[in-house]
PDB file of all heavy atoms in Angstrom:
ATOM      1  N   LEU A   1      35.194   6.066   9.800  1.00  0.00           N
ATOM      2  CA  LEU A   1      35.303   4.859   8.978  1.00  0.00           C
ATOM      3  C   LEU A   1      34.529   3.690   9.577  1.00  0.00           C
ATOM      4  O   LEU A   1      33.901   2.908   8.848  1.00  0.00           O
ATOM      5  CB  LEU A   1      36.774   4.488   8.786  1.00  0.00           C
ATOM      6  CG  LEU A   1      37.495   5.002   7.544  1.00  0.00           C
ATOM      7  CD1 LEU A   1      37.047   4.275   6.295  1.00  0.00           C
ATOM      8  CD2 LEU A   1      37.324   6.498   7.379  1.00  0.00           C
ATOM      9  N   ILE A   2      34.557   3.528  10.886  1.00  0.00           N
ATOM     10  CA  ILE A   2      33.836   2.422  11.519  1.00  0.00           C
ATOM     11  C   ILE A   2      32.335   2.557  11.283  1.00  0.00           C
ATOM     12  O   ILE A   2      31.647   1.592  10.931  1.00  0.00           O
ATOM     13  CB  ILE A   2      34.164   2.344  13.023  1.00  0.00           C
ATOM     14  CG1 ILE A   2      35.613   1.880  13.224  1.00  0.00           C
ATOM     15  CG2 ILE A   2      33.202   1.398  13.742  1.00  0.00           C
ATOM     16  CD1 ILE A   2      36.100   1.981  14.667  1.00  0.00           C
ATOM     17  N   VAL A   3      31.803   3.769  11.451  1.00  0.00           N
ATOM     18  CA  VAL A   3      30.368   3.965  11.242  1.00  0.00           C
ATOM     19  C   VAL A   3      30.017   3.871   9.758  1.00  0.00           C
ATOM     20  O   VAL A   3      28.944   3.363   9.401  1.00  0.00           O
ATOM     21  CB  VAL A   3      29.902   5.289  11.858  1.00  0.00           C
ATOM     22  CG1 VAL A   3      28.456   5.591  11.494  1.00  0.00           C
ATOM     23  CG2 VAL A   3      30.043   5.227  13.374  1.00  0.00           C
ATOM     24  N   LEU A   4      30.919   4.317   8.886  1.00  0.00           N
ATOM     25  CA  LEU A   4      30.697   4.110   7.450  1.00  0.00           C
ATOM     26  C   LEU A   4      30.515   2.635   7.140  1.00  0.00           C
ATOM     27  O   LEU A   4      29.627   2.250   6.366  1.00  0.00           O
ATOM     28  CB  LEU A   4      31.887   4.651   6.647  1.00  0.00           C
ATOM     29  CG  LEU A   4      31.866   6.091   6.156  1.00  0.00           C
ATOM     30  CD1 LEU A   4      33.084   6.348   5.285  1.00  0.00           C
ATOM     31  CD2 LEU A   4      30.597   6.388   5.393  1.00  0.00           C
ATOM     32  N   LEU A   5      31.363   1.778   7.728  1.00  0.00           N
ATOM     33  CA  LEU A   5      31.247   0.344   7.496  1.00  0.00           C
ATOM     34  C   LEU A   5      29.910  -0.184   8.006  1.00  0.00           C
ATOM     35  O   LEU A   5      29.233  -0.951   7.313  1.00  0.00           O
ATOM     36  CB  LEU A   5      32.406  -0.404   8.167  1.00  0.00           C
ATOM     37  CG  LEU A   5      32.326  -1.934   8.124  1.00  0.00           C
ATOM     38  CD1 LEU A   5      32.229  -2.440   6.692  1.00  0.00           C
ATOM     39  CD2 LEU A   5      33.522  -2.564   8.831  1.00  0.00           C
ATOM     40  N   ILE A   6      29.517   0.219   9.215  1.00  0.00           N
ATOM     41  CA  ILE A   6      28.233  -0.246   9.760  1.00  0.00           C
ATOM     42  C   ILE A   6      27.082   0.195   8.857  1.00  0.00           C
ATOM     43  O   ILE A   6      26.141  -0.574   8.599  1.00  0.00           O
ATOM     44  CB  ILE A   6      28.039   0.282  11.191  1.00  0.00           C
ATOM     45  CG1 ILE A   6      29.094  -0.322  12.124  1.00  0.00           C
ATOM     46  CG2 ILE A   6      26.640  -0.046  11.702  1.00  0.00           C
ATOM     47  CD1 ILE A   6      29.117   0.294  13.509  1.00  0.00           C
ATOM     48  N   LYS A   7      27.165   1.403   8.345  1.00  0.00           N
ATOM     49  CA  LYS A   7      26.106   1.883   7.449  1.00  0.00           C
ATOM     50  C   LYS A   7      26.040   1.048   6.181  1.00  0.00           C
ATOM     51  O   LYS A   7      24.955   0.691   5.703  1.00  0.00           O
ATOM     52  CB  LYS A   7      26.347   3.355   7.103  1.00  0.00           C
ATOM     53  CG  LYS A   7      25.191   3.963   6.325  1.00  0.00           C
ATOM     54  CD  LYS A   7      25.362   5.446   6.112  1.00  0.00           C
ATOM     55  CE  LYS A   7      24.118   6.015   5.421  1.00  0.00           C
ATOM     56  NZ  LYS A   7      24.268   7.452   5.104  1.00  0.00           N
ATOM     57  N   LEU A   8      27.188   0.711   5.605  1.00  0.00           N
ATOM     58  CA  LEU A   8      27.209  -0.125   4.407  1.00  0.00           C
ATOM     59  C   LEU A   8      26.660  -1.515   4.703  1.00  0.00           C
ATOM     60  O   LEU A   8      25.982  -2.123   3.865  1.00  0.00           O
ATOM     61  CB  LEU A   8      28.622  -0.224   3.853  1.00  0.00           C
ATOM     62  CG  LEU A   8      29.227   1.069   3.304  1.00  0.00           C
ATOM     63  CD1 LEU A   8      30.682   0.857   2.927  1.00  0.00           C
ATOM     64  CD2 LEU A   8      28.434   1.585   2.106  1.00  0.00           C
ATOM     65  N   VAL A   9      26.954  -2.032   5.890  1.00  0.00           N
ATOM     66  CA  VAL A   9      26.437  -3.349   6.275  1.00  0.00           C
ATOM     67  C   VAL A   9      24.915  -3.330   6.310  1.00  0.00           C
ATOM     68  O   VAL A   9      24.252  -4.229   5.788  1.00  0.00           O
ATOM     69  CB  VAL A   9      27.019  -3.783   7.638  1.00  0.00           C
ATOM     70  CG1 VAL A   9      26.265  -4.991   8.190  1.00  0.00           C
ATOM     71  CG2 VAL A   9      28.502  -4.108   7.500  1.00  0.00           C
ATOM     72  N   VAL A  10      24.343  -2.299   6.927  1.00  0.00           N
ATOM     73  CA  VAL A  10      22.885  -2.222   7.049  1.00  0.00           C
ATOM     74  C   VAL A  10      22.230  -1.884   5.716  1.00  0.00           C
ATOM     75  O   VAL A  10      21.274  -2.545   5.286  1.00  0.00           O
ATOM     76  CB  VAL A  10      22.485  -1.187   8.121  1.00  0.00           C
ATOM     77  CG1 VAL A  10      20.966  -0.974   8.136  1.00  0.00           C
ATOM     78  CG2 VAL A  10      22.956  -1.637   9.501  1.00  0.00           C
ATOM     79  N   GLU A  11      22.732  -0.859   5.031  1.00  0.00           N
ATOM     80  CA  GLU A  11      22.008  -0.298   3.901  1.00  0.00           C
ATOM     81  C   GLU A  11      22.324  -0.944   2.556  1.00  0.00           C
ATOM     82  O   GLU A  11      21.515  -0.819   1.625  1.00  0.00           O
ATOM     83  CB  GLU A  11      22.256   1.214   3.832  1.00  0.00           C
ATOM     84  CG  GLU A  11      21.727   1.935   5.070  1.00  0.00           C
ATOM     85  CD  GLU A  11      21.668   3.438   4.905  1.00  0.00           C
ATOM     86  OE1 GLU A  11      22.050   3.947   3.826  1.00  0.00           O
ATOM     87  OE2 GLU A  11      21.240   4.112   5.860  1.00  0.00           O
ATOM     88  N   GLU A  12      23.464  -1.624   2.447  1.00  0.00           N
ATOM     89  CA  GLU A  12      23.767  -2.300   1.181  1.00  0.00           C
ATOM     90  C   GLU A  12      23.819  -3.809   1.356  1.00  0.00           C
ATOM     91  O   GLU A  12      23.138  -4.550   0.636  1.00  0.00           O
ATOM     92  CB  GLU A  12      25.091  -1.789   0.602  1.00  0.00           C
ATOM     93  CG  GLU A  12      25.399  -2.379  -0.775  1.00  0.00           C
ATOM     94  CD  GLU A  12      26.554  -1.699  -1.479  1.00  0.00           C
ATOM     95  OE1 GLU A  12      27.369  -1.034  -0.803  1.00  0.00           O
ATOM     96  OE2 GLU A  12      26.661  -1.846  -2.711  1.00  0.00           O
ATOM     97  N   TYR A  13      24.578  -4.274   2.322  1.00  0.00           N
ATOM     98  CA  TYR A  13      24.801  -5.711   2.501  1.00  0.00           C
ATOM     99  C   TYR A  13      23.530  -6.430   2.980  1.00  0.00           C
ATOM    100  O   TYR A  13      23.072  -7.389   2.352  1.00  0.00           O
ATOM    101  CB  TYR A  13      25.940  -5.891   3.496  1.00  0.00           C
ATOM    102  CG  TYR A  13      26.246  -7.294   3.927  1.00  0.00           C
ATOM    103  CD1 TYR A  13      26.885  -8.190   3.067  1.00  0.00           C
ATOM    104  CD2 TYR A  13      25.941  -7.729   5.209  1.00  0.00           C
ATOM    105  CE1 TYR A  13      27.188  -9.471   3.471  1.00  0.00           C
ATOM    106  CE2 TYR A  13      26.252  -9.006   5.627  1.00  0.00           C
ATOM    107  CZ  TYR A  13      26.867  -9.874   4.756  1.00  0.00           C
ATOM    108  OH  TYR A  13      27.169 -11.139   5.173  1.00  0.00           O
ATOM    109  N   ILE A  14      22.921  -5.957   4.078  1.00  0.00           N
ATOM    110  CA  ILE A  14      21.713  -6.623   4.584  1.00  0.00           C
ATOM    111  C   ILE A  14      20.550  -6.437   3.614  1.00  0.00           C
ATOM    112  O   ILE A  14      19.773  -7.372   3.373  1.00  0.00           O
ATOM    113  CB  ILE A  14      21.357  -6.109   5.995  1.00  0.00           C
ATOM    114  CG1 ILE A  14      22.406  -6.593   7.003  1.00  0.00           C
ATOM    115  CG2 ILE A  14      19.966  -6.572   6.422  1.00  0.00           C
ATOM    116  CD1 ILE A  14      22.196  -6.116   8.428  1.00  0.00           C
ATOM    117  N   ASN A  15      20.430  -5.272   3.017  1.00  0.00           N
ATOM    118  CA  ASN A  15      19.358  -5.072   2.039  1.00  0.00           C
ATOM    119  C   ASN A  15      19.542  -5.937   0.798  1.00  0.00           C
ATOM    120  O   ASN A  15      18.553  -6.287   0.139  1.00  0.00           O
ATOM    121  CB  ASN A  15      19.272  -3.597   1.634  1.00  0.00           C
ATOM    122  CG  ASN A  15      18.523  -2.763   2.652  1.00  0.00           C
ATOM    123  OD1 ASN A  15      17.619  -3.254   3.323  1.00  0.00           O
ATOM    124  ND2 ASN A  15      18.885  -1.504   2.791  1.00  0.00           N
ATOM    125  N   HIS A  16      20.780  -6.281   0.490  1.00  0.00           N
ATOM    126  CA  HIS A  16      20.989  -7.211  -0.619  1.00  0.00           C
ATOM    127  C   HIS A  16      20.531  -8.620  -0.245  1.00  0.00           C
ATOM    128  O   HIS A  16      19.930  -9.327  -1.062  1.00  0.00           O
ATOM    129  CB  HIS A  16      22.469  -7.246  -1.016  1.00  0.00           C
ATOM    130  CG  HIS A  16      22.786  -8.337  -1.997  1.00  0.00           C
ATOM    131  ND1 HIS A  16      22.367  -8.303  -3.306  1.00  0.00           N
ATOM    132  CD2 HIS A  16      23.443  -9.520  -1.851  1.00  0.00           C
ATOM    133  CE1 HIS A  16      22.768  -9.411  -3.927  1.00  0.00           C
ATOM    134  NE2 HIS A  16      23.416 -10.161  -3.058  1.00  0.00           N
ATOM    135  N   ILE A  17      20.790  -9.027   0.977  1.00  0.00           N
ATOM    136  CA  ILE A  17      20.424 -10.379   1.420  1.00  0.00           C
ATOM    137  C   ILE A  17      18.909 -10.552   1.466  1.00  0.00           C
ATOM    138  O   ILE A  17      18.370 -11.573   1.028  1.00  0.00           O
ATOM    139  CB  ILE A  17      21.037 -10.669   2.804  1.00  0.00           C
ATOM    140  CG1 ILE A  17      22.567 -10.782   2.701  1.00  0.00           C
ATOM    141  CG2 ILE A  17      20.461 -11.964   3.397  1.00  0.00           C
ATOM    142  CD1 ILE A  17      23.262 -10.927   4.038  1.00  0.00           C
ATOM    143  N   THR A  18      18.202  -9.566   2.014  1.00  0.00           N
ATOM    144  CA  THR A  18      16.757  -9.710   2.171  1.00  0.00           C
ATOM    145  C   THR A  18      16.044  -9.441   0.851  1.00  0.00           C
ATOM    146  O   THR A  18      16.424  -8.527   0.120  1.00  0.00           O
ATOM    147  CB  THR A  18      16.216  -8.750   3.238  1.00  0.00           C
ATOM    148  OG1 THR A  18      16.445  -7.410   2.817  1.00  0.00           O
ATOM    149  CG2 THR A  18      16.899  -8.993   4.575  1.00  0.00           C
ATOM    150  N   PRO A  19      14.995 -10.202   0.544  1.00  0.00           N
ATOM    151  CA  PRO A  19      14.237  -9.971  -0.692  1.00  0.00           C
ATOM    152  C   PRO A  19      13.066  -9.014  -0.488  1.00  0.00           C
ATOM    153  O   PRO A  19      12.127  -8.998  -1.274  1.00  0.00           O
ATOM    154  CB  PRO A  19      13.736 -11.382  -1.031  1.00  0.00           C
ATOM    155  CG  PRO A  19      13.514 -12.026   0.293  1.00  0.00           C
ATOM    156  CD  PRO A  19      14.563 -11.444   1.229  1.00  0.00           C
ATOM    157  N   TYR A  20      13.112  -8.192   0.565  1.00  0.00           N
ATOM    158  CA  TYR A  20      11.972  -7.356   0.935  1.00  0.00           C
ATOM    159  C   TYR A  20      11.895  -6.080   0.096  1.00  0.00           C
ATOM    160  O   TYR A  20      12.910  -5.584  -0.407  1.00  0.00           O
ATOM    161  CB  TYR A  20      12.044  -6.963   2.414  1.00  0.00           C
ATOM    162  CG  TYR A  20      12.148  -8.128   3.363  1.00  0.00           C
ATOM    163  CD1 TYR A  20      12.734  -7.980   4.603  1.00  0.00           C
ATOM    164  CD2 TYR A  20      11.659  -9.389   3.007  1.00  0.00           C
ATOM    165  CE1 TYR A  20      12.832  -9.037   5.485  1.00  0.00           C
ATOM    166  CE2 TYR A  20      11.755 -10.454   3.881  1.00  0.00           C
ATOM    167  CZ  TYR A  20      12.349 -10.281   5.118  1.00  0.00           C
ATOM    168  OH  TYR A  20      12.450 -11.334   5.984  1.00  0.00           O
ATOM    169  N   HIS A  21      10.702  -5.513   0.019  1.00  0.00           N
ATOM    170  CA  HIS A  21      10.525  -4.220  -0.636  1.00  0.00           C
ATOM    171  C   HIS A  21      10.906  -3.076   0.297  1.00  0.00           C
ATOM    172  O   HIS A  21      11.206  -1.978  -0.173  1.00  0.00           O
ATOM    173  CB  HIS A  21       9.072  -4.057  -1.098  1.00  0.00           C
ATOM    174  CG  HIS A  21       8.663  -5.050  -2.142  1.00  0.00           C
ATOM    175  ND1 HIS A  21       9.456  -5.356  -3.226  1.00  0.00           N
ATOM    176  CD2 HIS A  21       7.541  -5.819  -2.266  1.00  0.00           C
ATOM    177  CE1 HIS A  21       8.847  -6.264  -3.976  1.00  0.00           C
ATOM    178  NE2 HIS A  21       7.691  -6.556  -3.415  1.00  0.00           N
ATOM    179  N   PHE A  22      10.882  -3.311   1.601  1.00  0.00           N
ATOM    180  CA  PHE A  22      11.315  -2.298   2.559  1.00  0.00           C
ATOM    181  C   PHE A  22      12.833  -2.325   2.650  1.00  0.00           C
ATOM    182  O   PHE A  22      13.442  -3.385   2.788  1.00  0.00           O
ATOM    183  CB  PHE A  22      10.710  -2.552   3.940  1.00  0.00           C
ATOM    184  CG  PHE A  22      11.009  -1.468   4.933  1.00  0.00           C
ATOM    185  CD1 PHE A  22      10.197  -0.348   5.002  1.00  0.00           C
ATOM    186  CD2 PHE A  22      12.118  -1.539   5.770  1.00  0.00           C
ATOM    187  CE1 PHE A  22      10.480   0.682   5.908  1.00  0.00           C
ATOM    188  CE2 PHE A  22      12.406  -0.530   6.668  1.00  0.00           C
ATOM    189  CZ  PHE A  22      11.584   0.587   6.737  1.00  0.00           C
ATOM    190  N   ARG A  23      13.441  -1.144   2.584  1.00  0.00           N
ATOM    191  CA  ARG A  23      14.896  -1.039   2.628  1.00  0.00           C
ATOM    192  C   ARG A  23      15.318  -0.526   3.994  1.00  0.00           C
ATOM    193  O   ARG A  23      14.938   0.580   4.411  1.00  0.00           O
ATOM    194  CB  ARG A  23      15.379  -0.061   1.547  1.00  0.00           C
ATOM    195  CG  ARG A  23      14.913  -0.384   0.147  1.00  0.00           C
ATOM    196  CD  ARG A  23      15.666  -1.510  -0.477  1.00  0.00           C
ATOM    197  NE  ARG A  23      17.035  -1.126  -0.793  1.00  0.00           N
ATOM    198  CZ  ARG A  23      17.903  -1.946  -1.368  1.00  0.00           C
ATOM    199  NH1 ARG A  23      17.570  -3.191  -1.638  1.00  0.00           N
ATOM    200  NH2 ARG A  23      19.122  -1.532  -1.633  1.00  0.00           N
ATOM    201  N   PHE A  24      16.117  -1.310   4.714  1.00  0.00           N
ATOM    202  CA  PHE A  24      16.585  -0.921   6.042  1.00  0.00           C
ATOM    203  C   PHE A  24      17.602   0.216   5.922  1.00  0.00           C
ATOM    204  O   PHE A  24      18.391   0.270   4.974  1.00  0.00           O
ATOM    205  CB  PHE A  24      17.215  -2.109   6.761  1.00  0.00           C
ATOM    206  CG  PHE A  24      16.237  -3.205   7.042  1.00  0.00           C
ATOM    207  CD1 PHE A  24      16.252  -4.381   6.305  1.00  0.00           C
ATOM    208  CD2 PHE A  24      15.287  -3.074   8.046  1.00  0.00           C
ATOM    209  CE1 PHE A  24      15.341  -5.391   6.550  1.00  0.00           C
ATOM    210  CE2 PHE A  24      14.378  -4.082   8.306  1.00  0.00           C
ATOM    211  CZ  PHE A  24      14.400  -5.237   7.562  1.00  0.00           C
ATOM    212  N   THR A  25      17.584   1.097   6.913  1.00  0.00           N
ATOM    213  CA  THR A  25      18.506   2.232   6.917  1.00  0.00           C
ATOM    214  C   THR A  25      19.127   2.404   8.304  1.00  0.00           C
ATOM    215  O   THR A  25      18.562   1.965   9.309  1.00  0.00           O
ATOM    216  CB  THR A  25      17.795   3.540   6.535  1.00  0.00           C
ATOM    217  OG1 THR A  25      16.719   3.781   7.462  1.00  0.00           O
ATOM    218  CG2 THR A  25      17.251   3.483   5.122  1.00  0.00           C
ATOM    219  N   LEU A  26      20.282   3.055   8.331  1.00  0.00           N
ATOM    220  CA  LEU A  26      20.918   3.426   9.593  1.00  0.00           C
ATOM    221  C   LEU A  26      20.495   4.858   9.906  1.00  0.00           C
ATOM    222  O   LEU A  26      21.258   5.802   9.747  1.00  0.00           O
ATOM    223  CB  LEU A  26      22.439   3.304   9.495  1.00  0.00           C
ATOM    224  CG  LEU A  26      23.203   3.405  10.820  1.00  0.00           C
ATOM    225  CD1 LEU A  26      22.918   2.206  11.703  1.00  0.00           C
ATOM    226  CD2 LEU A  26      24.698   3.526  10.569  1.00  0.00           C
ATOM    227  N   ASP A  27      19.254   5.009  10.339  1.00  0.00           N
ATOM    228  CA  ASP A  27      18.725   6.340  10.655  1.00  0.00           C
ATOM    229  C   ASP A  27      19.482   6.943  11.831  1.00  0.00           C
ATOM    230  O   ASP A  27      19.910   6.224  12.747  1.00  0.00           O
ATOM    231  CB  ASP A  27      17.248   6.250  11.013  1.00  0.00           C
ATOM    232  CG  ASP A  27      16.376   5.905   9.807  1.00  0.00           C
ATOM    233  OD1 ASP A  27      16.825   6.084   8.667  1.00  0.00           O
ATOM    234  OD2 ASP A  27      15.255   5.436  10.027  1.00  0.00           O
ATOM    235  N   SER A  28      19.569   8.267  11.849  1.00  0.00           N
ATOM    236  CA  SER A  28      20.284   8.932  12.934  1.00  0.00           C
ATOM    237  C   SER A  28      19.632   8.672  14.287  1.00  0.00           C
ATOM    238  O   SER A  28      20.315   8.646  15.317  1.00  0.00           O
ATOM    239  CB  SER A  28      20.354  10.443  12.666  1.00  0.00           C
ATOM    240  OG  SER A  28      19.044  10.981  12.521  1.00  0.00           O
ATOM    241  N   GLY A  29      18.318   8.460  14.295  1.00  0.00           N
ATOM    242  CA  GLY A  29      17.632   8.219  15.558  1.00  0.00           C
ATOM    243  C   GLY A  29      17.405   6.760  15.876  1.00  0.00           C
ATOM    244  O   GLY A  29      16.728   6.442  16.871  1.00  0.00           O
ATOM    245  N   LEU A  30      17.963   5.859  15.070  1.00  0.00           N
ATOM    246  CA  LEU A  30      17.687   4.429  15.253  1.00  0.00           C
ATOM    247  C   LEU A  30      18.161   3.929  16.609  1.00  0.00           C
ATOM    248  O   LEU A  30      17.438   3.208  17.313  1.00  0.00           O
ATOM    249  CB  LEU A  30      18.347   3.630  14.127  1.00  0.00           C
ATOM    250  CG  LEU A  30      18.111   2.123  14.126  1.00  0.00           C
ATOM    251  CD1 LEU A  30      16.631   1.806  13.974  1.00  0.00           C
ATOM    252  CD2 LEU A  30      18.904   1.459  12.993  1.00  0.00           C
ATOM    253  N   SER A  31      19.369   4.305  17.006  1.00  0.00           N
ATOM    254  CA  SER A  31      19.916   3.797  18.263  1.00  0.00           C
ATOM    255  C   SER A  31      19.090   4.256  19.459  1.00  0.00           C
ATOM    256  O   SER A  31      18.865   3.492  20.403  1.00  0.00           O
ATOM    257  CB  SER A  31      21.365   4.242  18.437  1.00  0.00           C
ATOM    258  OG  SER A  31      22.204   3.542  17.553  1.00  0.00           O
ATOM    259  N   SER A  32      18.623   5.514  19.441  1.00  0.00           N
ATOM    260  CA  SER A  32      17.814   5.988  20.567  1.00  0.00           C
ATOM    261  C   SER A  32      16.488   5.257  20.629  1.00  0.00           C
ATOM    262  O   SER A  32      15.955   5.012  21.720  1.00  0.00           O
ATOM    263  CB  SER A  32      17.592   7.498  20.458  1.00  0.00           C
ATOM    264  OG  SER A  32      16.947   7.835  19.245  1.00  0.00           O
ATOM    265  N   MET A  33      15.942   4.876  19.479  1.00  0.00           N
ATOM    266  CA  MET A  33      14.688   4.124  19.461  1.00  0.00           C
ATOM    267  C   MET A  33      14.868   2.712  19.987  1.00  0.00           C
ATOM    268  O   MET A  33      13.950   2.124  20.546  1.00  0.00           O
ATOM    269  CB  MET A  33      14.111   4.094  18.043  1.00  0.00           C
ATOM    270  CG  MET A  33      13.425   5.377  17.626  1.00  0.00           C
ATOM    271  SD  MET A  33      12.550   5.189  16.049  1.00  0.00           S
ATOM    272  CE  MET A  33      13.716   5.925  14.931  1.00  0.00           C
ATOM    273  N   LEU A  34      16.068   2.150  19.791  1.00  0.00           N
ATOM    274  CA  LEU A  34      16.296   0.748  20.137  1.00  0.00           C
ATOM    275  C   LEU A  34      17.104   0.573  21.414  1.00  0.00           C
ATOM    276  O   LEU A  34      17.318  -0.553  21.855  1.00  0.00           O
ATOM    277  CB  LEU A  34      17.015   0.046  18.984  1.00  0.00           C
ATOM    278  CG  LEU A  34      16.246  -0.024  17.660  1.00  0.00           C
ATOM    279  CD1 LEU A  34      17.123  -0.638  16.576  1.00  0.00           C
ATOM    280  CD2 LEU A  34      14.961  -0.837  17.811  1.00  0.00           C
ATOM    281  N   ALA A  35      17.565   1.662  22.017  1.00  0.00           N
ATOM    282  CA  ALA A  35      18.495   1.574  23.147  1.00  0.00           C
ATOM    283  C   ALA A  35      17.912   0.810  24.335  1.00  0.00           C
ATOM    284  O   ALA A  35      18.658   0.215  25.113  1.00  0.00           O
ATOM    285  CB  ALA A  35      18.924   2.969  23.586  1.00  0.00           C
ATOM    286  N   ARG A  36      16.581   0.825  24.506  1.00  0.00           N
ATOM    287  CA  ARG A  36      15.971   0.142  25.642  1.00  0.00           C
ATOM    288  C   ARG A  36      15.555  -1.288  25.321  1.00  0.00           C
ATOM    289  O   ARG A  36      14.961  -1.963  26.172  1.00  0.00           O
ATOM    290  CB  ARG A  36      14.752   0.932  26.122  1.00  0.00           C
ATOM    291  CG  ARG A  36      15.091   2.291  26.715  1.00  0.00           C
ATOM    292  CD  ARG A  36      13.839   2.985  27.258  1.00  0.00           C
ATOM    293  NE  ARG A  36      14.156   4.277  27.841  1.00  0.00           N
ATOM    294  CZ  ARG A  36      14.221   5.412  27.154  1.00  0.00           C
ATOM    295  NH1 ARG A  36      13.996   5.397  25.853  1.00  0.00           N
ATOM    296  NH2 ARG A  36      14.517   6.552  27.743  1.00  0.00           N
ATOM    297  N   ALA A  37      15.850  -1.757  24.124  1.00  0.00           N
ATOM    298  CA  ALA A  37      15.487  -3.129  23.752  1.00  0.00           C
ATOM    299  C   ALA A  37      16.257  -4.138  24.611  1.00  0.00           C
ATOM    300  O   ALA A  37      17.416  -3.889  24.977  1.00  0.00           O
ATOM    301  CB  ALA A  37      15.800  -3.367  22.275  1.00  0.00           C
ATOM    302  N   PRO A  38      15.661  -5.270  24.961  1.00  0.00           N
ATOM    303  CA  PRO A  38      16.332  -6.238  25.845  1.00  0.00           C
ATOM    304  C   PRO A  38      17.593  -6.829  25.241  1.00  0.00           C
ATOM    305  O   PRO A  38      18.456  -7.309  25.982  1.00  0.00           O
ATOM    306  CB  PRO A  38      15.252  -7.310  26.068  1.00  0.00           C
ATOM    307  CG  PRO A  38      14.310  -7.164  24.925  1.00  0.00           C
ATOM    308  CD  PRO A  38      14.302  -5.704  24.591  1.00  0.00           C
ATOM    309  N   TRP A  39      17.729  -6.797  23.926  1.00  0.00           N
ATOM    310  CA  TRP A  39      18.915  -7.364  23.282  1.00  0.00           C
ATOM    311  C   TRP A  39      20.065  -6.352  23.196  1.00  0.00           C
ATOM    312  O   TRP A  39      21.161  -6.705  22.742  1.00  0.00           O
ATOM    313  CB  TRP A  39      18.570  -7.851  21.873  1.00  0.00           C
ATOM    314  CG  TRP A  39      17.856  -6.840  21.019  1.00  0.00           C
ATOM    315  CD1 TRP A  39      16.506  -6.752  20.812  1.00  0.00           C
ATOM    316  CD2 TRP A  39      18.435  -5.765  20.255  1.00  0.00           C
ATOM    317  NE1 TRP A  39      16.204  -5.696  19.989  1.00  0.00           N
ATOM    318  CE2 TRP A  39      17.378  -5.073  19.629  1.00  0.00           C
ATOM    319  CE3 TRP A  39      19.741  -5.326  20.046  1.00  0.00           C
ATOM    320  CZ2 TRP A  39      17.586  -3.971  18.803  1.00  0.00           C
ATOM    321  CZ3 TRP A  39      19.956  -4.222  19.234  1.00  0.00           C
ATOM    322  CH2 TRP A  39      18.882  -3.563  18.618  1.00  0.00           C
ATOM    323  N   HIS A  40      19.829  -5.117  23.610  1.00  0.00           N
ATOM    324  CA  HIS A  40      20.853  -4.072  23.467  1.00  0.00           C
ATOM    325  C   HIS A  40      21.887  -4.228  24.581  1.00  0.00           C
ATOM    326  O   HIS A  40      21.936  -3.449  25.532  1.00  0.00           O
ATOM    327  CB  HIS A  40      20.209  -2.694  23.502  1.00  0.00           C
ATOM    328  CG  HIS A  40      20.990  -1.648  22.763  1.00  0.00           C
ATOM    329  ND1 HIS A  40      22.109  -1.051  23.281  1.00  0.00           N
ATOM    330  CD2 HIS A  40      20.830  -1.118  21.524  1.00  0.00           C
ATOM    331  CE1 HIS A  40      22.594  -0.185  22.417  1.00  0.00           C
ATOM    332  NE2 HIS A  40      21.837  -0.199  21.338  1.00  0.00           N
ATOM    333  N   ARG A  41      22.716  -5.249  24.452  1.00  0.00           N
ATOM    334  CA  ARG A  41      23.739  -5.586  25.441  1.00  0.00           C
ATOM    335  C   ARG A  41      25.104  -5.652  24.775  1.00  0.00           C
ATOM    336  O   ARG A  41      25.236  -5.549  23.562  1.00  0.00           O
ATOM    337  CB  ARG A  41      23.422  -6.954  26.069  1.00  0.00           C
ATOM    338  CG  ARG A  41      22.059  -7.062  26.724  1.00  0.00           C
ATOM    339  CD  ARG A  41      21.945  -6.151  27.928  1.00  0.00           C
ATOM    340  NE  ARG A  41      20.689  -6.327  28.642  1.00  0.00           N
ATOM    341  CZ  ARG A  41      20.535  -7.052  29.738  1.00  0.00           C
ATOM    342  NH1 ARG A  41      21.568  -7.681  30.269  1.00  0.00           N
ATOM    343  NH2 ARG A  41      19.351  -7.148  30.320  1.00  0.00           N
ATOM    344  N   GLU A  42      26.110  -5.869  25.596  1.00  0.00           N
ATOM    345  CA  GLU A  42      27.478  -5.965  25.092  1.00  0.00           C
ATOM    346  C   GLU A  42      27.589  -7.078  24.053  1.00  0.00           C
ATOM    347  O   GLU A  42      27.064  -8.173  24.235  1.00  0.00           O
ATOM    348  CB  GLU A  42      28.420  -6.257  26.261  1.00  0.00           C
ATOM    349  CG  GLU A  42      29.890  -6.317  25.866  1.00  0.00           C
ATOM    350  CD  GLU A  42      30.786  -6.629  27.061  1.00  0.00           C
ATOM    351  OE1 GLU A  42      30.359  -7.416  27.932  1.00  0.00           O
ATOM    352  OE2 GLU A  42      31.889  -6.098  27.115  1.00  0.00           O
TER     353      GLU A  42
END
């Protein structure tokens, strides 16, 4: 349920806010791609 909520936040809620043609997704590999980002903190 927690991950379902996060997915809805990214794929429905944030995509509704942005007027972009690109649609953000919670890809299965997204976290591994971003895990080394400097903002990936507590």
